[in-house]
Amino acid sequence: MELEAILIMLVIGGVAGWLAGALLKGGGMGLSGNIVVGIIGSVVGGVIFQAVGISIGGGLIGAIVSATVGAVIILLVLGAIKK
């Protein structure tokens, strides 16, 4: 994997994790936690959108939307486990 691809993945993961934390009010986990949740969320979101058959398009915006949806799901599950 090229350095540029890794950096883009980290930026998308960070943005998605931050958005998910902001949407859930206090669900954020700090910068490194947000990046990890966003990256894992991008995989989860991609699988969900593909399984449902929804195409949100490609590109940066589509990747951020997909990753954010996945990150929100991950944060909801983690919140439910903590309780």
N, C-alpha and C. Protein backbone atom coordinates (compact mmCIF):
# COMPACT_ATOMS: atom_id res chain seq x y z
N MET A 1 0.86 -1.17 0.00
CA MET A 1 0.00 0.00 0.00
C MET A 1 0.90 1.24 0.00
N GLU A 2 0.54 2.18 -0.81
CA GLU A 2 1.35 3.39 -0.92
C GLU A 2 1.10 4.32 0.27
N LEU A 3 2.05 5.19 0.52
CA LEU A 3 1.97 6.13 1.62
C LEU A 3 0.76 7.05 1.46
N GLU A 4 0.49 7.48 0.25
CA GLU A 4 -0.65 8.37 0.00
C GLU A 4 -1.97 7.69 0.36
N ALA A 5 -2.11 6.42 0.01
CA ALA A 5 -3.33 5.68 0.33
C ALA A 5 -3.51 5.52 1.83
N ILE A 6 -2.42 5.28 2.54
CA ILE A 6 -2.48 5.15 3.99
C ILE A 6 -2.89 6.47 4.63
N LEU A 7 -2.33 7.57 4.16
CA LEU A 7 -2.68 8.88 4.71
C LEU A 7 -4.15 9.23 4.45
N ILE A 8 -4.63 8.92 3.27
CA ILE A 8 -6.04 9.18 2.95
C ILE A 8 -6.93 8.33 3.83
N MET A 9 -6.58 7.08 4.05
CA MET A 9 -7.36 6.19 4.91
C MET A 9 -7.40 6.73 6.34
N LEU A 10 -6.27 7.24 6.84
CA LEU A 10 -6.23 7.80 8.19
C LEU A 10 -7.07 9.07 8.30
N VAL A 11 -7.03 9.90 7.28
CA VAL A 11 -7.82 11.14 7.30
C VAL A 11 -9.32 10.81 7.25
N ILE A 12 -9.71 9.92 6.38
CA ILE A 12 -11.12 9.52 6.30
C ILE A 12 -11.56 8.88 7.61
N GLY A 13 -10.73 8.03 8.18
CA GLY A 13 -11.05 7.41 9.46
C GLY A 13 -11.19 8.43 10.58
N GLY A 14 -10.30 9.41 10.61
CA GLY A 14 -10.38 10.45 11.63
C GLY A 14 -11.62 11.30 11.49
N VAL A 15 -11.94 11.70 10.28
CA VAL A 15 -13.14 12.51 10.04
C VAL A 15 -14.40 11.71 10.39
N ALA A 16 -14.45 10.46 9.95
CA ALA A 16 -15.62 9.63 10.23
C ALA A 16 -15.78 9.38 11.72
N GLY A 17 -14.69 9.10 12.41
CA GLY A 17 -14.75 8.89 13.86
C GLY A 17 -15.18 10.14 14.59
N TRP A 18 -14.67 11.28 14.17
CA TRP A 18 -15.04 12.56 14.79
C TRP A 18 -16.52 12.86 14.55
N LEU A 19 -16.99 12.65 13.32
CA LEU A 19 -18.40 12.87 13.02
C LEU A 19 -19.30 11.94 13.84
N ALA A 20 -18.91 10.69 13.94
CA ALA A 20 -19.71 9.73 14.71
C ALA A 20 -19.76 10.13 16.18
N GLY A 21 -18.62 10.56 16.73
CA GLY A 21 -18.59 11.01 18.11
C GLY A 21 -19.44 12.25 18.32
N ALA A 22 -19.42 13.16 17.35
CA ALA A 22 -20.22 14.37 17.45
C ALA A 22 -21.72 14.06 17.33
N LEU A 23 -22.07 13.11 16.48
CA LEU A 23 -23.47 12.75 16.31
C LEU A 23 -24.04 12.07 17.56
N LEU A 24 -23.20 11.33 18.27
CA LEU A 24 -23.67 10.58 19.43
C LEU A 24 -23.45 11.34 20.74
N LYS A 25 -23.01 12.56 20.71
CA LYS A 25 -22.83 13.38 21.90
C LYS A 25 -22.03 12.67 22.99
N GLY A 26 -20.73 12.82 22.92
CA GLY A 26 -19.87 12.22 23.93
C GLY A 26 -19.42 10.82 23.59
N GLY A 27 -19.70 10.37 22.39
CA GLY A 27 -19.29 9.03 22.00
C GLY A 27 -17.88 8.98 21.45
N GLY A 28 -17.22 10.12 21.37
CA GLY A 28 -15.87 10.16 20.83
C GLY A 28 -14.87 9.50 21.75
N MET A 29 -13.75 9.10 21.20
CA MET A 29 -12.74 8.37 21.96
C MET A 29 -11.36 9.02 21.85
N GLY A 30 -11.29 10.29 21.55
CA GLY A 30 -9.99 10.93 21.35
C GLY A 30 -9.55 10.73 19.91
N LEU A 31 -8.47 11.41 19.54
CA LEU A 31 -8.02 11.40 18.15
C LEU A 31 -7.68 9.99 17.66
N SER A 32 -6.82 9.28 18.39
CA SER A 32 -6.41 7.96 17.92
C SER A 32 -7.57 6.98 17.96
N GLY A 33 -8.41 7.07 18.98
CA GLY A 33 -9.59 6.20 19.06
C GLY A 33 -10.56 6.48 17.93
N ASN A 34 -10.75 7.77 17.60
CA ASN A 34 -11.64 8.14 16.50
C ASN A 34 -11.12 7.60 15.17
N ILE A 35 -9.82 7.65 14.97
CA ILE A 35 -9.24 7.13 13.73
C ILE A 35 -9.49 5.62 13.63
N VAL A 36 -9.25 4.91 14.73
CA VAL A 36 -9.45 3.45 14.72
C VAL A 36 -10.92 3.12 14.49
N VAL A 37 -11.82 3.80 15.22
CA VAL A 37 -13.25 3.56 15.05
C VAL A 37 -13.68 3.91 13.63
N GLY A 38 -13.15 4.99 13.07
CA GLY A 38 -13.50 5.38 11.70
C GLY A 38 -13.02 4.38 10.66
N ILE A 39 -11.82 3.85 10.84
CA ILE A 39 -11.29 2.87 9.89
C ILE A 39 -12.08 1.58 9.96
N ILE A 40 -12.32 1.11 11.17
CA ILE A 40 -13.14 -0.11 11.32
C ILE A 40 -14.56 0.17 10.83
N GLY A 41 -15.05 1.38 11.11
CA GLY A 41 -16.38 1.76 10.67
C GLY A 41 -16.51 1.80 9.16
N SER A 42 -15.43 2.14 8.48
CA SER A 42 -15.50 2.15 7.01
C SER A 42 -15.71 0.74 6.47
N VAL A 43 -15.11 -0.24 7.12
CA VAL A 43 -15.32 -1.63 6.70
C VAL A 43 -16.75 -2.05 7.01
N VAL A 44 -17.21 -1.75 8.23
CA VAL A 44 -18.57 -2.11 8.63
C VAL A 44 -19.60 -1.42 7.73
N GLY A 45 -19.41 -0.13 7.50
CA GLY A 45 -20.34 0.62 6.64
C GLY A 45 -20.35 0.09 5.22
N GLY A 46 -19.18 -0.24 4.69
CA GLY A 46 -19.10 -0.80 3.34
C GLY A 46 -19.84 -2.11 3.22
N VAL A 47 -19.69 -2.97 4.22
CA VAL A 47 -20.37 -4.26 4.21
C VAL A 47 -21.88 -4.07 4.30
N ILE A 48 -22.31 -3.15 5.17
CA ILE A 48 -23.74 -2.92 5.34
C ILE A 48 -24.36 -2.36 4.07
N PHE A 49 -23.72 -1.33 3.49
CA PHE A 49 -24.28 -0.73 2.28
C PHE A 49 -24.29 -1.73 1.13
N GLN A 50 -23.28 -2.57 1.05
CA GLN A 50 -23.24 -3.57 -0.01
C GLN A 50 -24.30 -4.65 0.20
N ALA A 51 -24.50 -5.08 1.45
CA ALA A 51 -25.49 -6.11 1.74
C ALA A 51 -26.91 -5.62 1.47
N VAL A 52 -27.17 -4.35 1.76
CA VAL A 52 -28.50 -3.78 1.54
C VAL A 52 -28.70 -3.44 0.07
N GLY A 53 -27.61 -3.26 -0.64
CA GLY A 53 -27.70 -2.94 -2.07
C GLY A 53 -27.77 -1.45 -2.35
N ILE A 54 -27.35 -0.64 -1.39
CA ILE A 54 -27.38 0.81 -1.56
C ILE A 54 -26.01 1.26 -2.08
N SER A 55 -26.03 2.06 -3.11
CA SER A 55 -24.81 2.62 -3.66
C SER A 55 -24.78 4.11 -3.34
N ILE A 56 -23.81 4.52 -2.52
CA ILE A 56 -23.72 5.93 -2.17
C ILE A 56 -22.72 6.66 -3.04
N GLY A 57 -22.21 5.98 -4.02
CA GLY A 57 -21.26 6.60 -4.92
C GLY A 57 -19.84 6.44 -4.42
N GLY A 58 -18.94 6.76 -5.27
CA GLY A 58 -17.54 6.65 -4.90
C GLY A 58 -16.99 8.00 -4.48
N GLY A 59 -15.72 8.04 -4.35
CA GLY A 59 -15.07 9.29 -4.02
C GLY A 59 -14.97 9.54 -2.52
N LEU A 60 -14.47 10.69 -2.21
CA LEU A 60 -14.19 11.06 -0.82
C LEU A 60 -15.45 11.18 0.02
N ILE A 61 -16.47 11.84 -0.51
CA ILE A 61 -17.71 12.04 0.25
C ILE A 61 -18.39 10.69 0.52
N GLY A 62 -18.46 9.84 -0.47
CA GLY A 62 -19.06 8.52 -0.28
C GLY A 62 -18.32 7.69 0.75
N ALA A 63 -16.99 7.77 0.74
CA ALA A 63 -16.18 7.04 1.72
C ALA A 63 -16.42 7.58 3.12
N ILE A 64 -16.53 8.89 3.27
CA ILE A 64 -16.77 9.48 4.59
C ILE A 64 -18.16 9.11 5.10
N VAL A 65 -19.17 9.15 4.24
CA VAL A 65 -20.53 8.79 4.64
C VAL A 65 -20.58 7.33 5.09
N SER A 66 -20.02 6.45 4.30
CA SER A 66 -20.00 5.03 4.63
C SER A 66 -19.26 4.77 5.94
N ALA A 67 -18.10 5.36 6.09
CA ALA A 67 -17.30 5.18 7.30
C ALA A 67 -18.00 5.76 8.52
N THR A 68 -18.68 6.89 8.36
CA THR A 68 -19.38 7.51 9.48
C THR A 68 -20.55 6.63 9.94
N VAL A 69 -21.31 6.09 9.01
CA VAL A 69 -22.42 5.21 9.37
C VAL A 69 -21.88 3.99 10.12
N GLY A 70 -20.81 3.40 9.62
CA GLY A 70 -20.21 2.26 10.30
C GLY A 70 -19.67 2.62 11.67
N ALA A 71 -19.04 3.80 11.79
CA ALA A 71 -18.50 4.23 13.08
C ALA A 71 -19.60 4.49 14.10
N VAL A 72 -20.72 5.06 13.65
CA VAL A 72 -21.86 5.28 14.55
C VAL A 72 -22.36 3.93 15.07
N ILE A 73 -22.46 2.95 14.20
CA ILE A 73 -22.92 1.62 14.61
C ILE A 73 -21.95 1.02 15.63
N ILE A 74 -20.65 1.16 15.38
CA ILE A 74 -19.66 0.63 16.31
C ILE A 74 -19.77 1.33 17.66
N LEU A 75 -19.91 2.65 17.67
CA LEU A 75 -20.01 3.38 18.94
C LEU A 75 -21.30 3.02 19.68
N LEU A 76 -22.38 2.78 18.97
CA LEU A 76 -23.62 2.35 19.62
C LEU A 76 -23.45 0.99 20.27
N VAL A 77 -22.79 0.07 19.56
CA VAL A 77 -22.56 -1.26 20.11
C VAL A 77 -21.63 -1.18 21.33
N LEU A 78 -20.57 -0.40 21.23
CA LEU A 78 -19.65 -0.24 22.36
C LEU A 78 -20.35 0.40 23.55
N GLY A 79 -21.20 1.37 23.31
CA GLY A 79 -21.96 2.00 24.39
C GLY A 79 -22.90 1.03 25.07
N ALA A 80 -23.52 0.16 24.28
CA ALA A 80 -24.44 -0.84 24.85
C ALA A 80 -23.66 -1.89 25.67
N ILE A 81 -22.47 -2.23 25.22
CA ILE A 81 -21.64 -3.21 25.94
C ILE A 81 -21.16 -2.61 27.26
N LYS A 82 -20.78 -1.34 27.26
CA LYS A 82 -20.30 -0.68 28.48
C LYS A 82 -21.36 -0.64 29.57
N LYS A 83 -22.63 -0.48 29.16
CA LYS A 83 -23.72 -0.40 30.13
C LYS A 83 -24.02 -1.78 30.63
